[in-house]
Amino acid sequence: MNEAARDLKIESTALQIRKIGNSVGVILPKELLARLNLKEGDKFYPVEQPDGSLRLSPFNPKHARTMEIARQVMHDYRDTLAALAK
């Protein structure tokens, strides 16, 4: 199946909220799991977009932002951190 056909198939798939035990959940199709590189037990995060839509991502945006800040601090203070490591 070519990528355009796969995109159309995923976009036209409606997800339904279902009762699962005492909770509710959404069953994700295999194609979507494969596209997100997810398997049972993995976590993924809904990220609200500026237009009000949601993006599902296997990456935690808060963690990514924290790591970005940490990298910047380590870069800015690399000499100090190197001296402390001695």
PDB file of N, CA and C in Angstrom:
ATOM      1  N   MET A   1       0.861  -1.178   0.000  1.00  0.00           N
ATOM      2  CA  MET A   1       0.000   0.000   0.000  1.00  0.00           C
ATOM      3  C   MET A   1       0.896   1.226   0.000  1.00  0.00           C
ATOM      4  N   ASN A   2       0.636   2.146  -0.918  1.00  0.00           N
ATOM      5  CA  ASN A   2       1.493   3.326  -0.970  1.00  0.00           C
ATOM      6  C   ASN A   2       1.149   4.284   0.175  1.00  0.00           C
ATOM      7  N   GLU A   3       2.022   5.241   0.412  1.00  0.00           N
ATOM      8  CA  GLU A   3       1.874   6.123   1.574  1.00  0.00           C
ATOM      9  C   GLU A   3       0.603   6.956   1.522  1.00  0.00           C
ATOM     10  N   ALA A   4       0.227   7.458   0.347  1.00  0.00           N
ATOM     11  CA  ALA A   4      -0.988   8.269   0.224  1.00  0.00           C
ATOM     12  C   ALA A   4      -2.219   7.448   0.572  1.00  0.00           C
ATOM     13  N   ALA A   5      -2.278   6.210   0.119  1.00  0.00           N
ATOM     14  CA  ALA A   5      -3.418   5.357   0.430  1.00  0.00           C
ATOM     15  C   ALA A   5      -3.452   5.037   1.916  1.00  0.00           C
ATOM     16  N   ARG A   6      -2.273   4.813   2.506  1.00  0.00           N
ATOM     17  CA  ARG A   6      -2.209   4.524   3.942  1.00  0.00           C
ATOM     18  C   ARG A   6      -2.667   5.736   4.745  1.00  0.00           C
ATOM     19  N   ASP A   7      -2.231   6.942   4.337  1.00  0.00           N
ATOM     20  CA  ASP A   7      -2.650   8.160   5.019  1.00  0.00           C
ATOM     21  C   ASP A   7      -4.162   8.315   4.964  1.00  0.00           C
ATOM     22  N   LEU A   8      -4.752   8.057   3.805  1.00  0.00           N
ATOM     23  CA  LEU A   8      -6.200   8.178   3.644  1.00  0.00           C
ATOM     24  C   LEU A   8      -6.917   7.169   4.516  1.00  0.00           C
ATOM     25  N   LYS A   9      -6.404   5.940   4.582  1.00  0.00           N
ATOM     26  CA  LYS A   9      -7.022   4.901   5.404  1.00  0.00           C
ATOM     27  C   LYS A   9      -6.982   5.286   6.877  1.00  0.00           C
ATOM     28  N   ILE A  10      -5.869   5.797   7.353  1.00  0.00           N
ATOM     29  CA  ILE A  10      -5.748   6.193   8.758  1.00  0.00           C
ATOM     30  C   ILE A  10      -6.643   7.394   9.050  1.00  0.00           C
ATOM     31  N   GLU A  11      -6.657   8.391   8.160  1.00  0.00           N
ATOM     32  CA  GLU A  11      -7.475   9.577   8.374  1.00  0.00           C
ATOM     33  C   GLU A  11      -8.958   9.257   8.378  1.00  0.00           C
ATOM     34  N   SER A  12      -9.383   8.251   7.622  1.00  0.00           N
ATOM     35  CA  SER A  12     -10.806   7.934   7.550  1.00  0.00           C
ATOM     36  C   SER A  12     -11.245   6.965   8.642  1.00  0.00           C
ATOM     37  N   THR A  13     -10.317   6.529   9.487  1.00  0.00           N
ATOM     38  CA  THR A  13     -10.648   5.609  10.570  1.00  0.00           C
ATOM     39  C   THR A  13     -11.177   6.391  11.766  1.00  0.00           C
ATOM     40  N   ALA A  14     -12.418   6.102  12.143  1.00  0.00           N
ATOM     41  CA  ALA A  14     -12.998   6.740  13.328  1.00  0.00           C
ATOM     42  C   ALA A  14     -12.671   5.882  14.545  1.00  0.00           C
ATOM     43  N   LEU A  15     -12.217   6.509  15.598  1.00  0.00           N
ATOM     44  CA  LEU A  15     -11.934   5.810  16.842  1.00  0.00           C
ATOM     45  C   LEU A  15     -13.137   5.971  17.762  1.00  0.00           C
ATOM     46  N   GLN A  16     -13.492   4.904  18.440  1.00  0.00           N
ATOM     47  CA  GLN A  16     -14.656   4.941  19.314  1.00  0.00           C
ATOM     48  C   GLN A  16     -14.221   4.711  20.755  1.00  0.00           C
ATOM     49  N   ILE A  17     -14.784   5.497  21.648  1.00  0.00           N
ATOM     50  CA  ILE A  17     -14.519   5.318  23.076  1.00  0.00           C
ATOM     51  C   ILE A  17     -15.375   4.150  23.543  1.00  0.00           C
ATOM     52  N   ARG A  18     -14.725   3.182  24.207  1.00  0.00           N
ATOM     53  CA  ARG A  18     -15.417   1.975  24.651  1.00  0.00           C
ATOM     54  C   ARG A  18     -15.159   1.735  26.127  1.00  0.00           C
ATOM     55  N   LYS A  19     -16.104   1.078  26.748  1.00  0.00           N
ATOM     56  CA  LYS A  19     -15.948   0.694  28.147  1.00  0.00           C
ATOM     57  C   LYS A  19     -15.003  -0.498  28.201  1.00  0.00           C
ATOM     58  N   ILE A  20     -13.982  -0.394  29.039  1.00  0.00           N
ATOM     59  CA  ILE A  20     -13.016  -1.468  29.241  1.00  0.00           C
ATOM     60  C   ILE A  20     -12.917  -1.675  30.745  1.00  0.00           C
ATOM     61  N   GLY A  21     -13.579  -2.674  31.255  1.00  0.00           N
ATOM     62  CA  GLY A  21     -13.649  -2.890  32.698  1.00  0.00           C
ATOM     63  C   GLY A  21     -14.402  -1.745  33.347  1.00  0.00           C
ATOM     64  N   ASN A  22     -13.794  -1.106  34.342  1.00  0.00           N
ATOM     65  CA  ASN A  22     -14.406   0.040  35.009  1.00  0.00           C
ATOM     66  C   ASN A  22     -13.968   1.369  34.397  1.00  0.00           C
ATOM     67  N   SER A  23     -13.214   1.316  33.315  1.00  0.00           N
ATOM     68  CA  SER A  23     -12.683   2.517  32.666  1.00  0.00           C
ATOM     69  C   SER A  23     -13.242   2.624  31.253  1.00  0.00           C
ATOM     70  N   VAL A  24     -12.803   3.638  30.566  1.00  0.00           N
ATOM     71  CA  VAL A  24     -13.098   3.752  29.133  1.00  0.00           C
ATOM     72  C   VAL A  24     -11.776   3.889  28.406  1.00  0.00           C
ATOM     73  N   GLY A  25     -11.752   3.486  27.159  1.00  0.00           N
ATOM     74  CA  GLY A  25     -10.525   3.556  26.389  1.00  0.00           C
ATOM     75  C   GLY A  25     -10.824   3.629  24.919  1.00  0.00           C
ATOM     76  N   VAL A  26      -9.783   3.793  24.147  1.00  0.00           N
ATOM     77  CA  VAL A  26      -9.869   3.860  22.700  1.00  0.00           C
ATOM     78  C   VAL A  26      -9.015   2.731  22.148  1.00  0.00           C
ATOM     79  N   ILE A  27      -9.558   1.971  21.221  1.00  0.00           N
ATOM     80  CA  ILE A  27      -8.812   0.911  20.550  1.00  0.00           C
ATOM     81  C   ILE A  27      -8.150   1.528  19.323  1.00  0.00           C
ATOM     82  N   LEU A  28      -6.831   1.408  19.244  1.00  0.00           N
ATOM     83  CA  LEU A  28      -6.086   1.973  18.112  1.00  0.00           C
ATOM     84  C   LEU A  28      -5.822   0.886  17.076  1.00  0.00           C
ATOM     85  N   PRO A  29      -6.064   1.187  15.804  1.00  0.00           N
ATOM     86  CA  PRO A  29      -5.792   0.201  14.758  1.00  0.00           C
ATOM     87  C   PRO A  29      -4.300  -0.084  14.628  1.00  0.00           C
ATOM     88  N   LYS A  30      -3.977  -1.287  14.120  1.00  0.00           N
ATOM     89  CA  LYS A  30      -2.573  -1.696  13.954  1.00  0.00           C
ATOM     90  C   LYS A  30      -1.780  -0.698  13.131  1.00  0.00           C
ATOM     91  N   GLU A  31      -2.408  -0.156  12.085  1.00  0.00           N
ATOM     92  CA  GLU A  31      -1.698   0.779  11.207  1.00  0.00           C
ATOM     93  C   GLU A  31      -1.266   2.032  11.966  1.00  0.00           C
ATOM     94  N   LEU A  32      -2.143   2.518  12.839  1.00  0.00           N
ATOM     95  CA  LEU A  32      -1.819   3.711  13.610  1.00  0.00           C
ATOM     96  C   LEU A  32      -0.724   3.406  14.629  1.00  0.00           C
ATOM     97  N   LEU A  33      -0.808   2.251  15.280  1.00  0.00           N
ATOM     98  CA  LEU A  33       0.235   1.853  16.224  1.00  0.00           C
ATOM     99  C   LEU A  33       1.586   1.747  15.525  1.00  0.00           C
ATOM    100  N   ALA A  34       1.578   1.166  14.327  1.00  0.00           N
ATOM    101  CA  ALA A  34       2.830   1.027  13.582  1.00  0.00           C
ATOM    102  C   ALA A  34       3.370   2.396  13.184  1.00  0.00           C
ATOM    103  N   ARG A  35       2.484   3.273  12.762  1.00  0.00           N
ATOM    104  CA  ARG A  35       2.923   4.614  12.330  1.00  0.00           C
ATOM    105  C   ARG A  35       3.514   5.410  13.490  1.00  0.00           C
ATOM    106  N   LEU A  36       2.938   5.245  14.692  1.00  0.00           N
ATOM    107  CA  LEU A  36       3.441   5.935  15.875  1.00  0.00           C
ATOM    108  C   LEU A  36       4.586   5.175  16.538  1.00  0.00           C
ATOM    109  N   ASN A  37       4.906   3.991  16.009  1.00  0.00           N
ATOM    110  CA  ASN A  37       5.943   3.135  16.583  1.00  0.00           C
ATOM    111  C   ASN A  37       5.636   2.814  18.044  1.00  0.00           C
ATOM    112  N   LEU A  38       4.381   2.406  18.291  1.00  0.00           N
ATOM    113  CA  LEU A  38       3.931   2.073  19.632  1.00  0.00           C
ATOM    114  C   LEU A  38       3.568   0.603  19.725  1.00  0.00           C
ATOM    115  N   LYS A  39       3.696   0.054  20.938  1.00  0.00           N
ATOM    116  CA  LYS A  39       3.241  -1.308  21.198  1.00  0.00           C
ATOM    117  C   LYS A  39       2.525  -1.302  22.544  1.00  0.00           C
ATOM    118  N   GLU A  40       1.890  -2.401  22.873  1.00  0.00           N
ATOM    119  CA  GLU A  40       1.125  -2.482  24.119  1.00  0.00           C
ATOM    120  C   GLU A  40       2.010  -2.105  25.309  1.00  0.00           C
ATOM    121  N   GLY A  41       1.492  -1.240  26.165  1.00  0.00           N
ATOM    122  CA  GLY A  41       2.218  -0.807  27.352  1.00  0.00           C
ATOM    123  C   GLY A  41       2.979   0.499  27.178  1.00  0.00           C
ATOM    124  N   ASP A  42       3.216   0.909  25.926  1.00  0.00           N
ATOM    125  CA  ASP A  42       3.900   2.177  25.678  1.00  0.00           C
ATOM    126  C   ASP A  42       3.001   3.344  26.060  1.00  0.00           C
ATOM    127  N   LYS A  43       3.614   4.467  26.351  1.00  0.00           N
ATOM    128  CA  LYS A  43       2.866   5.691  26.631  1.00  0.00           C
ATOM    129  C   LYS A  43       2.958   6.612  25.431  1.00  0.00           C
ATOM    130  N   PHE A  44       1.891   7.356  25.195  1.00  0.00           N
ATOM    131  CA  PHE A  44       1.935   8.405  24.198  1.00  0.00           C
ATOM    132  C   PHE A  44       1.162   9.592  24.746  1.00  0.00           C
ATOM    133  N   TYR A  45       1.403  10.734  24.192  1.00  0.00           N
ATOM    134  CA  TYR A  45       0.901  11.975  24.752  1.00  0.00           C
ATOM    135  C   TYR A  45       0.053  12.731  23.743  1.00  0.00           C
ATOM    136  N   PRO A  46      -1.137  13.163  24.167  1.00  0.00           N
ATOM    137  CA  PRO A  46      -1.920  14.046  23.295  1.00  0.00           C
ATOM    138  C   PRO A  46      -1.380  15.466  23.437  1.00  0.00           C
ATOM    139  N   VAL A  47      -1.070  16.096  22.318  1.00  0.00           N
ATOM    140  CA  VAL A  47      -0.531  17.452  22.321  1.00  0.00           C
ATOM    141  C   VAL A  47      -1.522  18.338  21.590  1.00  0.00           C
ATOM    142  N   GLU A  48      -2.097  19.308  22.310  1.00  0.00           N
ATOM    143  CA  GLU A  48      -3.065  20.203  21.684  1.00  0.00           C
ATOM    144  C   GLU A  48      -2.343  21.176  20.763  1.00  0.00           C
ATOM    145  N   GLN A  49      -2.865  21.319  19.561  1.00  0.00           N
ATOM    146  CA  GLN A  49      -2.291  22.196  18.558  1.00  0.00           C
ATOM    147  C   GLN A  49      -2.971  23.570  18.618  1.00  0.00           C
ATOM    148  N   PRO A  50      -2.342  24.601  18.081  1.00  0.00           N
ATOM    149  CA  PRO A  50      -2.923  25.947  18.119  1.00  0.00           C
ATOM    150  C   PRO A  50      -4.312  26.032  17.481  1.00  0.00           C
ATOM    151  N   ASP A  51      -4.582  25.167  16.497  1.00  0.00           N
ATOM    152  CA  ASP A  51      -5.897  25.212  15.845  1.00  0.00           C
ATOM    153  C   ASP A  51      -6.956  24.414  16.602  1.00  0.00           C
ATOM    154  N   GLY A  52      -6.607  23.870  17.773  1.00  0.00           N
ATOM    155  CA  GLY A  52      -7.557  23.124  18.594  1.00  0.00           C
ATOM    156  C   GLY A  52      -7.539  21.624  18.349  1.00  0.00           C
ATOM    157  N   SER A  53      -6.824  21.166  17.332  1.00  0.00           N
ATOM    158  CA  SER A  53      -6.742  19.732  17.067  1.00  0.00           C
ATOM    159  C   SER A  53      -5.749  19.089  18.043  1.00  0.00           C
ATOM    160  N   LEU A  54      -5.724  17.767  18.062  1.00  0.00           N
ATOM    161  CA  LEU A  54      -4.791  17.035  18.907  1.00  0.00           C
ATOM    162  C   LEU A  54      -3.816  16.262  18.042  1.00  0.00           C
ATOM    163  N   ARG A  55      -2.589  16.206  18.506  1.00  0.00           N
ATOM    164  CA  ARG A  55      -1.554  15.407  17.855  1.00  0.00           C
ATOM    165  C   ARG A  55      -1.133  14.352  18.858  1.00  0.00           C
ATOM    166  N   LEU A  56      -1.074  13.095  18.439  1.00  0.00           N
ATOM    167  CA  LEU A  56      -0.609  12.027  19.308  1.00  0.00           C
ATOM    168  C   LEU A  56       0.873  11.828  19.063  1.00  0.00           C
ATOM    169  N   SER A  57       1.637  11.839  20.132  1.00  0.00           N
ATOM    170  CA  SER A  57       3.080  11.726  19.997  1.00  0.00           C
ATOM    171  C   SER A  57       3.627  10.771  21.045  1.00  0.00           C
ATOM    172  N   PRO A  58       4.575   9.897  20.658  1.00  0.00           N
ATOM    173  CA  PRO A  58       5.199   9.041  21.663  1.00  0.00           C
ATOM    174  C   PRO A  58       6.209   9.798  22.521  1.00  0.00           C
ATOM    175  N   PHE A  59       6.427  11.065  22.223  1.00  0.00           N
ATOM    176  CA  PHE A  59       7.392  11.874  22.958  1.00  0.00           C
ATOM    177  C   PHE A  59       6.675  12.854  23.863  1.00  0.00           C
ATOM    178  N   ASN A  60       7.137  12.957  25.091  1.00  0.00           N
ATOM    179  CA  ASN A  60       6.550  13.872  26.061  1.00  0.00           C
ATOM    180  C   ASN A  60       7.083  15.275  25.773  1.00  0.00           C
ATOM    181  N   PRO A  61       6.225  16.208  25.342  1.00  0.00           N
ATOM    182  CA  PRO A  61       6.714  17.543  24.990  1.00  0.00           C
ATOM    183  C   PRO A  61       7.299  18.294  26.186  1.00  0.00           C
ATOM    184  N   LYS A  62       6.790  18.059  27.390  1.00  0.00           N
ATOM    185  CA  LYS A  62       7.348  18.733  28.566  1.00  0.00           C
ATOM    186  C   LYS A  62       8.765  18.230  28.845  1.00  0.00           C
ATOM    187  N   HIS A  63       8.974  16.926  28.688  1.00  0.00           N
ATOM    188  CA  HIS A  63      10.314  16.365  28.891  1.00  0.00           C
ATOM    189  C   HIS A  63      11.269  16.885  27.821  1.00  0.00           C
ATOM    190  N   ALA A  64      10.801  16.947  26.587  1.00  0.00           N
ATOM    191  CA  ALA A  64      11.646  17.453  25.499  1.00  0.00           C
ATOM    192  C   ALA A  64      12.055  18.892  25.767  1.00  0.00           C
ATOM    193  N   ARG A  65      11.135  19.713  26.240  1.00  0.00           N
ATOM    194  CA  ARG A  65      11.453  21.120  26.547  1.00  0.00           C
ATOM    195  C   ARG A  65      12.455  21.193  27.701  1.00  0.00           C
ATOM    196  N   THR A  66      12.272  20.355  28.714  1.00  0.00           N
ATOM    197  CA  THR A  66      13.194  20.328  29.850  1.00  0.00           C
ATOM    198  C   THR A  66      14.602  19.947  29.384  1.00  0.00           C
ATOM    199  N   MET A  67      14.689  18.961  28.510  1.00  0.00           N
ATOM    200  CA  MET A  67      15.998  18.548  27.999  1.00  0.00           C
ATOM    201  C   MET A  67      16.627  19.644  27.150  1.00  0.00           C
ATOM    202  N   GLU A  68      15.822  20.366  26.406  1.00  0.00           N
ATOM    203  CA  GLU A  68      16.334  21.487  25.599  1.00  0.00           C
ATOM    204  C   GLU A  68      16.955  22.549  26.510  1.00  0.00           C
ATOM    205  N   ILE A  69      16.285  22.861  27.610  1.00  0.00           N
ATOM    206  CA  ILE A  69      16.797  23.840  28.574  1.00  0.00           C
ATOM    207  C   ILE A  69      18.090  23.318  29.209  1.00  0.00           C
ATOM    208  N   ALA A  70      18.097  22.035  29.582  1.00  0.00           N
ATOM    209  CA  ALA A  70      19.292  21.447  30.199  1.00  0.00           C
ATOM    210  C   ALA A  70      20.489  21.504  29.245  1.00  0.00           C
ATOM    211  N   ARG A  71      20.250  21.194  27.975  1.00  0.00           N
ATOM    212  CA  ARG A  71      21.348  21.259  26.996  1.00  0.00           C
ATOM    213  C   ARG A  71      21.890  22.686  26.871  1.00  0.00           C
ATOM    214  N   GLN A  72      21.004  23.665  26.882  1.00  0.00           N
ATOM    215  CA  GLN A  72      21.431  25.065  26.768  1.00  0.00           C
ATOM    216  C   GLN A  72      22.261  25.474  27.987  1.00  0.00           C
ATOM    217  N   VAL A  73      21.818  25.072  29.178  1.00  0.00           N
ATOM    218  CA  VAL A  73      22.559  25.391  30.407  1.00  0.00           C
ATOM    219  C   VAL A  73      23.932  24.728  30.371  1.00  0.00           C
ATOM    220  N   MET A  74      23.981  23.444  29.966  1.00  0.00           N
ATOM    221  CA  MET A  74      25.269  22.743  29.899  1.00  0.00           C
ATOM    222  C   MET A  74      26.200  23.404  28.880  1.00  0.00           C
ATOM    223  N   HIS A  75      25.638  23.906  27.793  1.00  0.00           N
ATOM    224  CA  HIS A  75      26.456  24.590  26.787  1.00  0.00           C
ATOM    225  C   HIS A  75      26.978  25.913  27.341  1.00  0.00           C
ATOM    226  N   ASP A  76      26.096  26.687  27.974  1.00  0.00           N
ATOM    227  CA  ASP A  76      26.479  28.000  28.499  1.00  0.00           C
ATOM    228  C   ASP A  76      27.514  27.894  29.613  1.00  0.00           C
ATOM    229  N   TYR A  77      27.441  26.857  30.416  1.00  0.00           N
ATOM    230  CA  TYR A  77      28.326  26.706  31.577  1.00  0.00           C
ATOM    231  C   TYR A  77      29.298  25.542  31.412  1.00  0.00           C
ATOM    232  N   ARG A  78      29.662  25.215  30.157  1.00  0.00           N
ATOM    233  CA  ARG A  78      30.530  24.069  29.906  1.00  0.00           C
ATOM    234  C   ARG A  78      31.886  24.195  30.587  1.00  0.00           C
ATOM    235  N   ASP A  79      32.451  25.398  30.633  1.00  0.00           N
ATOM    236  CA  ASP A  79      33.760  25.580  31.283  1.00  0.00           C
ATOM    237  C   ASP A  79      33.644  25.340  32.791  1.00  0.00           C
ATOM    238  N   THR A  80      32.618  25.879  33.383  1.00  0.00           N
ATOM    239  CA  THR A  80      32.403  25.699  34.824  1.00  0.00           C
ATOM    240  C   THR A  80      32.158  24.228  35.140  1.00  0.00           C
ATOM    241  N   LEU A  81      31.327  23.569  34.356  1.00  0.00           N
ATOM    242  CA  LEU A  81      31.043  22.158  34.587  1.00  0.00           C
ATOM    243  C   LEU A  81      32.284  21.292  34.384  1.00  0.00           C
ATOM    244  N   ALA A  82      33.110  21.634  33.412  1.00  0.00           N
ATOM    245  CA  ALA A  82      34.363  20.895  33.195  1.00  0.00           C
ATOM    246  C   ALA A  82      35.310  21.068  34.377  1.00  0.00           C
ATOM    247  N   ALA A  83      35.376  22.285  34.928  1.00  0.00           N
ATOM    248  CA  ALA A  83      36.251  22.529  36.085  1.00  0.00           C
ATOM    249  C   ALA A  83      35.745  21.764  37.299  1.00  0.00           C
ATOM    250  N   LEU A  84      34.423  21.717  37.466  1.00  0.00           N
ATOM    251  CA  LEU A  84      33.867  20.979  38.602  1.00  0.00           C
ATOM    252  C   LEU A  84      34.060  19.477  38.466  1.00  0.00           C
ATOM    253  N   ALA A  85      34.152  18.983  37.254  1.00  0.00           N
ATOM    254  CA  ALA A  85      34.303  17.549  37.016  1.00  0.00           C
ATOM    255  C   ALA A  85      35.714  17.048  37.311  1.00  0.00           C
ATOM    256  N   LYS A  86      36.670  17.960  37.459  1.00  0.00           N
ATOM    257  CA  LYS A  86      38.064  17.556  37.712  1.00  0.00           C
ATOM    258  C   LYS A  86      38.251  17.070  39.119  1.00  0.00           C
TER     259      LYS A  86
END
